Amino acid sequence: MSRWRPPSPSSTAIITREGFERLKAELDHLWHTLRPEVVKALAAAAAEGDRSENAEYTYRKKQLGEIDRRARYLSKRIPSLKVAEGAPADRTMVFFGASIELENVDSGESVQYRIVGPDETDARRGWISIDSPLARAVLKKRLDDEFEAELPSGRTRFAIVAVAY
């Protein structure tokens, strides 16, 4: 029996302009601000002597590794992203970047989401990835359409109450 698993599907390489600028700013902050500070602290910790028992040295090495890992990921990811600009001609249809209000047909509960790229999802703000089951189900639907989405809690019916860009 092998431990091989098929690779996970790659995430969609699309992002909003704000998300793109935020990722570029994060990379710039990591590279030009945070990394030099950690390197200085690491050098100071290394100068203290025995590194095998130096907790500060160990911590700074791990912190530097995390910063380098994130910076390497962002350096590779940013050039591959496609920035979606502007709103579509048909503003009653759901596409990437849409802010939507959905009503659960069974319970009458209303929820609001914005469809964004996988690099900028934020559950607290109601931003869902275009790769999520709900976003895949709602794409290309129109205002007042009803649709079903396969969610972790089961199959759920929704109605589109509002679409904005």
C-alpha atoms as a PDB file:
ATOM      1  CA  MET A   1       0.000   0.000   0.000  1.00  0.00           C
ATOM      2  CA  SER A   2       1.481   3.345  -0.976  1.00  0.00           C
ATOM      3  CA  ARG A   3       1.105   6.751   0.574  1.00  0.00           C
ATOM      4  CA  TRP A   4       0.799   8.520  -2.758  1.00  0.00           C
ATOM      5  CA  ARG A   5      -2.040  10.987  -3.015  1.00  0.00           C
ATOM      6  CA  PRO A   6      -3.069  12.848  -6.121  1.00  0.00           C
ATOM      7  CA  PRO A   7      -2.094  16.519  -6.015  1.00  0.00           C
ATOM      8  CA  SER A   8      -4.785  18.876  -4.792  1.00  0.00           C
ATOM      9  CA  PRO A   9      -6.372  20.985  -7.491  1.00  0.00           C
ATOM     10  CA  SER A  10      -4.576  24.290  -7.902  1.00  0.00           C
ATOM     11  CA  SER A  11      -6.440  27.388  -6.829  1.00  0.00           C
ATOM     12  CA  THR A  12      -7.762  29.840  -9.381  1.00  0.00           C
ATOM     13  CA  ALA A  13      -5.182  32.523 -10.182  1.00  0.00           C
ATOM     14  CA  ILE A  14      -7.548  35.496 -10.170  1.00  0.00           C
ATOM     15  CA  ILE A  15      -7.639  38.381  -7.717  1.00  0.00           C
ATOM     16  CA  THR A  16      -9.212  41.800  -7.230  1.00  0.00           C
ATOM     17  CA  ARG A  17      -7.097  44.940  -7.581  1.00  0.00           C
ATOM     18  CA  GLU A  18      -7.281  45.611  -3.805  1.00  0.00           C
ATOM     19  CA  GLY A  19      -6.196  42.056  -3.005  1.00  0.00           C
ATOM     20  CA  PHE A  20      -3.300  42.281  -5.460  1.00  0.00           C
ATOM     21  CA  GLU A  21      -2.074  45.532  -3.918  1.00  0.00           C
ATOM     22  CA  ARG A  22      -2.415  44.038  -0.428  1.00  0.00           C
ATOM     23  CA  LEU A  23      -0.253  41.012  -1.387  1.00  0.00           C
ATOM     24  CA  LYS A  24       2.384  43.275  -2.952  1.00  0.00           C
ATOM     25  CA  ALA A  25       2.415  45.438   0.191  1.00  0.00           C
ATOM     26  CA  GLU A  26       2.776  42.322   2.369  1.00  0.00           C
ATOM     27  CA  LEU A  27       5.754  41.120   0.304  1.00  0.00           C
ATOM     28  CA  ASP A  28       7.345  44.562   0.481  1.00  0.00           C
ATOM     29  CA  HIS A  29       6.813  44.707   4.271  1.00  0.00           C
ATOM     30  CA  LEU A  30       8.274  41.231   4.760  1.00  0.00           C
ATOM     31  CA  TRP A  31      11.297  41.865   2.592  1.00  0.00           C
ATOM     32  CA  HIS A  32      12.190  45.463   3.473  1.00  0.00           C
ATOM     33  CA  THR A  33      10.985  45.876   7.062  1.00  0.00           C
ATOM     34  CA  LEU A  34      10.419  42.649   8.965  1.00  0.00           C
ATOM     35  CA  ARG A  35      13.257  40.522   7.580  1.00  0.00           C
ATOM     36  CA  PRO A  36      16.045  43.079   8.325  1.00  0.00           C
ATOM     37  CA  GLU A  37      14.760  43.443  11.909  1.00  0.00           C
ATOM     38  CA  VAL A  38      14.788  39.676  12.447  1.00  0.00           C
ATOM     39  CA  VAL A  39      18.254  39.343  10.877  1.00  0.00           C
ATOM     40  CA  LYS A  40      19.591  41.987  13.314  1.00  0.00           C
ATOM     41  CA  ALA A  41      17.992  40.225  16.272  1.00  0.00           C
ATOM     42  CA  LEU A  42      19.364  36.889  15.039  1.00  0.00           C
ATOM     43  CA  ALA A  43      22.882  38.309  14.783  1.00  0.00           C
ATOM     44  CA  ALA A  44      22.600  39.732  18.301  1.00  0.00           C
ATOM     45  CA  ALA A  45      21.388  36.379  19.641  1.00  0.00           C
ATOM     46  CA  ALA A  46      24.198  34.532  17.838  1.00  0.00           C
ATOM     47  CA  ALA A  47      26.768  36.867  19.403  1.00  0.00           C
ATOM     48  CA  GLU A  48      25.671  35.809  22.889  1.00  0.00           C
ATOM     49  CA  GLY A  49      27.635  32.594  22.671  1.00  0.00           C
ATOM     50  CA  ASP A  50      26.504  28.967  22.925  1.00  0.00           C
ATOM     51  CA  ARG A  51      23.759  28.521  20.327  1.00  0.00           C
ATOM     52  CA  SER A  52      22.641  25.081  21.498  1.00  0.00           C
ATOM     53  CA  GLU A  53      21.061  26.515  24.654  1.00  0.00           C
ATOM     54  CA  ASN A  54      20.128  29.904  23.240  1.00  0.00           C
ATOM     55  CA  ALA A  55      16.323  30.078  22.999  1.00  0.00           C
ATOM     56  CA  GLU A  56      16.393  33.534  21.396  1.00  0.00           C
ATOM     57  CA  TYR A  57      18.673  32.255  18.609  1.00  0.00           C
ATOM     58  CA  THR A  58      16.413  29.235  17.964  1.00  0.00           C
ATOM     59  CA  TYR A  59      13.285  31.411  17.930  1.00  0.00           C
ATOM     60  CA  ARG A  60      14.795  33.954  15.521  1.00  0.00           C
ATOM     61  CA  LYS A  61      15.982  31.177  13.167  1.00  0.00           C
ATOM     62  CA  LYS A  62      12.428  29.793  13.022  1.00  0.00           C
ATOM     63  CA  GLN A  63      10.975  33.277  12.552  1.00  0.00           C
ATOM     64  CA  LEU A  64      13.391  33.990   9.708  1.00  0.00           C
ATOM     65  CA  GLY A  65      12.442  30.684   8.067  1.00  0.00           C
ATOM     66  CA  GLU A  66       8.737  31.585   8.244  1.00  0.00           C
ATOM     67  CA  ILE A  67       9.367  35.018   6.742  1.00  0.00           C
ATOM     68  CA  ASP A  68      11.484  33.554   3.936  1.00  0.00           C
ATOM     69  CA  ARG A  69       8.874  30.860   3.222  1.00  0.00           C
ATOM     70  CA  ARG A  70       6.042  33.404   2.945  1.00  0.00           C
ATOM     71  CA  ALA A  71       8.167  35.799   0.858  1.00  0.00           C
ATOM     72  CA  ARG A  72       9.147  32.962  -1.507  1.00  0.00           C
ATOM     73  CA  TYR A  73       5.477  31.940  -1.888  1.00  0.00           C
ATOM     74  CA  LEU A  74       4.382  35.530  -2.587  1.00  0.00           C
ATOM     75  CA  SER A  75       7.259  36.066  -5.045  1.00  0.00           C
ATOM     76  CA  LYS A  76       6.059  33.085  -7.067  1.00  0.00           C
ATOM     77  CA  ARG A  77       2.307  33.674  -6.658  1.00  0.00           C
ATOM     78  CA  ILE A  78       2.074  37.409  -7.468  1.00  0.00           C
ATOM     79  CA  PRO A  79       3.365  37.172 -11.077  1.00  0.00           C
ATOM     80  CA  SER A  80       0.957  34.306 -11.820  1.00  0.00           C
ATOM     81  CA  LEU A  81      -2.149  36.207 -10.665  1.00  0.00           C
ATOM     82  CA  LYS A  82      -4.574  37.822 -13.093  1.00  0.00           C
ATOM     83  CA  VAL A  83      -6.201  41.005 -11.792  1.00  0.00           C
ATOM     84  CA  ALA A  84      -9.912  41.254 -12.591  1.00  0.00           C
ATOM     85  CA  GLU A  85     -10.714  44.869 -13.382  1.00  0.00           C
ATOM     86  CA  GLY A  86     -14.084  46.548 -13.844  1.00  0.00           C
ATOM     87  CA  ALA A  87     -17.641  45.296 -13.638  1.00  0.00           C
ATOM     88  CA  PRO A  88     -19.348  43.097 -16.252  1.00  0.00           C
ATOM     89  CA  ALA A  89     -21.834  44.510 -18.745  1.00  0.00           C
ATOM     90  CA  ASP A  90     -24.722  42.544 -17.203  1.00  0.00           C
ATOM     91  CA  ARG A  91     -24.818  43.668 -13.576  1.00  0.00           C
ATOM     92  CA  THR A  92     -27.726  41.355 -12.679  1.00  0.00           C
ATOM     93  CA  MET A  93     -25.597  38.251 -13.285  1.00  0.00           C
ATOM     94  CA  VAL A  94     -23.124  36.913 -10.682  1.00  0.00           C
ATOM     95  CA  PHE A  95     -19.450  36.918 -11.706  1.00  0.00           C
ATOM     96  CA  PHE A  96     -16.106  37.260  -9.920  1.00  0.00           C
ATOM     97  CA  GLY A  97     -15.992  40.289  -7.622  1.00  0.00           C
ATOM     98  CA  ALA A  98     -19.747  40.416  -7.062  1.00  0.00           C
ATOM     99  CA  SER A  99     -21.240  41.233  -3.687  1.00  0.00           C
ATOM    100  CA  ILE A 100     -24.326  39.090  -3.330  1.00  0.00           C
ATOM    101  CA  GLU A 101     -27.149  38.697  -0.857  1.00  0.00           C
ATOM    102  CA  LEU A 102     -28.624  35.224  -0.664  1.00  0.00           C
ATOM    103  CA  GLU A 103     -31.715  33.962   1.085  1.00  0.00           C
ATOM    104  CA  ASN A 104     -31.944  30.389   2.307  1.00  0.00           C
ATOM    105  CA  VAL A 105     -35.216  29.189   0.748  1.00  0.00           C
ATOM    106  CA  ASP A 106     -35.994  26.735   3.570  1.00  0.00           C
ATOM    107  CA  SER A 107     -35.174  28.857   6.631  1.00  0.00           C
ATOM    108  CA  GLY A 108     -35.598  32.372   5.215  1.00  0.00           C
ATOM    109  CA  GLU A 109     -32.186  33.336   6.618  1.00  0.00           C
ATOM    110  CA  SER A 110     -30.352  36.034   4.654  1.00  0.00           C
ATOM    111  CA  VAL A 111     -26.552  36.086   4.162  1.00  0.00           C
ATOM    112  CA  GLN A 112     -24.179  38.398   2.300  1.00  0.00           C
ATOM    113  CA  TYR A 113     -20.989  37.384   0.510  1.00  0.00           C
ATOM    114  CA  ARG A 114     -18.427  38.791  -1.865  1.00  0.00           C
ATOM    115  CA  ILE A 115     -16.810  36.446  -4.384  1.00  0.00           C
ATOM    116  CA  VAL A 116     -13.031  36.965  -4.381  1.00  0.00           C
ATOM    117  CA  GLY A 117      -9.876  35.061  -5.263  1.00  0.00           C
ATOM    118  CA  PRO A 118      -8.531  32.280  -3.034  1.00  0.00           C
ATOM    119  CA  ASP A 119      -5.663  34.502  -1.839  1.00  0.00           C
ATOM    120  CA  GLU A 120      -7.983  37.092  -0.301  1.00  0.00           C
ATOM    121  CA  THR A 121     -10.770  35.109   1.388  1.00  0.00           C
ATOM    122  CA  ASP A 122     -11.886  36.411   4.779  1.00  0.00           C
ATOM    123  CA  ALA A 123     -14.752  34.708   6.603  1.00  0.00           C
ATOM    124  CA  ARG A 124     -15.249  37.611   9.035  1.00  0.00           C
ATOM    125  CA  ARG A 125     -15.886  40.011   6.147  1.00  0.00           C
ATOM    126  CA  GLY A 126     -18.020  37.513   4.213  1.00  0.00           C
ATOM    127  CA  TRP A 127     -15.486  37.158   1.389  1.00  0.00           C
ATOM    128  CA  ILE A 128     -15.623  33.661  -0.100  1.00  0.00           C
ATOM    129  CA  SER A 129     -13.269  32.070  -2.590  1.00  0.00           C
ATOM    130  CA  ILE A 130     -14.350  31.631  -6.180  1.00  0.00           C
ATOM    131  CA  ASP A 131     -13.270  27.994  -5.705  1.00  0.00           C
ATOM    132  CA  SER A 132     -15.771  27.395  -2.865  1.00  0.00           C
ATOM    133  CA  PRO A 133     -18.823  25.189  -3.519  1.00  0.00           C
ATOM    134  CA  LEU A 134     -21.239  28.066  -2.877  1.00  0.00           C
ATOM    135  CA  ALA A 135     -19.442  30.443  -5.255  1.00  0.00           C
ATOM    136  CA  ARG A 136     -19.222  27.754  -7.968  1.00  0.00           C
ATOM    137  CA  ALA A 137     -22.968  27.140  -7.639  1.00  0.00           C
ATOM    138  CA  VAL A 138     -23.956  30.826  -7.796  1.00  0.00           C
ATOM    139  CA  LEU A 139     -21.698  31.877 -10.706  1.00  0.00           C
ATOM    140  CA  LYS A 140     -23.586  32.951 -13.848  1.00  0.00           C
ATOM    141  CA  LYS A 141     -26.923  33.004 -12.040  1.00  0.00           C
ATOM    142  CA  ARG A 142     -29.140  36.082 -12.245  1.00  0.00           C
ATOM    143  CA  LEU A 143     -30.970  38.220  -9.730  1.00  0.00           C
ATOM    144  CA  ASP A 144     -34.049  36.364  -8.323  1.00  0.00           C
ATOM    145  CA  ASP A 145     -32.761  32.957  -9.530  1.00  0.00           C
ATOM    146  CA  GLU A 146     -32.931  29.974  -7.197  1.00  0.00           C
ATOM    147  CA  PHE A 147     -30.122  27.426  -7.078  1.00  0.00           C
ATOM    148  CA  GLU A 148     -28.841  24.524  -5.003  1.00  0.00           C
ATOM    149  CA  ALA A 149     -25.389  24.303  -3.469  1.00  0.00           C
ATOM    150  CA  GLU A 150     -23.715  21.259  -1.941  1.00  0.00           C
ATOM    151  CA  LEU A 151     -22.375  22.600   1.376  1.00  0.00           C
ATOM    152  CA  PRO A 152     -20.724  20.719   4.256  1.00  0.00           C
ATOM    153  CA  SER A 153     -24.064  20.862   6.096  1.00  0.00           C
ATOM    154  CA  GLY A 154     -25.836  19.275   3.106  1.00  0.00           C
ATOM    155  CA  ARG A 155     -27.654  20.344  -0.018  1.00  0.00           C
ATOM    156  CA  THR A 156     -29.137  23.832   0.465  1.00  0.00           C
ATOM    157  CA  ARG A 157     -31.406  25.942  -1.735  1.00  0.00           C
ATOM    158  CA  PHE A 158     -30.765  29.667  -2.063  1.00  0.00           C
ATOM    159  CA  ALA A 159     -32.407  32.570  -3.860  1.00  0.00           C
ATOM    160  CA  ILE A 160     -30.374  35.557  -5.094  1.00  0.00           C
ATOM    161  CA  VAL A 161     -31.819  38.696  -3.500  1.00  0.00           C
ATOM    162  CA  ALA A 162     -29.217  41.303  -4.559  1.00  0.00           C
ATOM    163  CA  VAL A 163     -26.133  41.589  -6.791  1.00  0.00           C
ATOM    164  CA  ALA A 164     -23.717  44.523  -6.661  1.00  0.00           C
ATOM    165  CA  TYR A 165     -20.254  45.289  -8.062  1.00  0.00           C
END
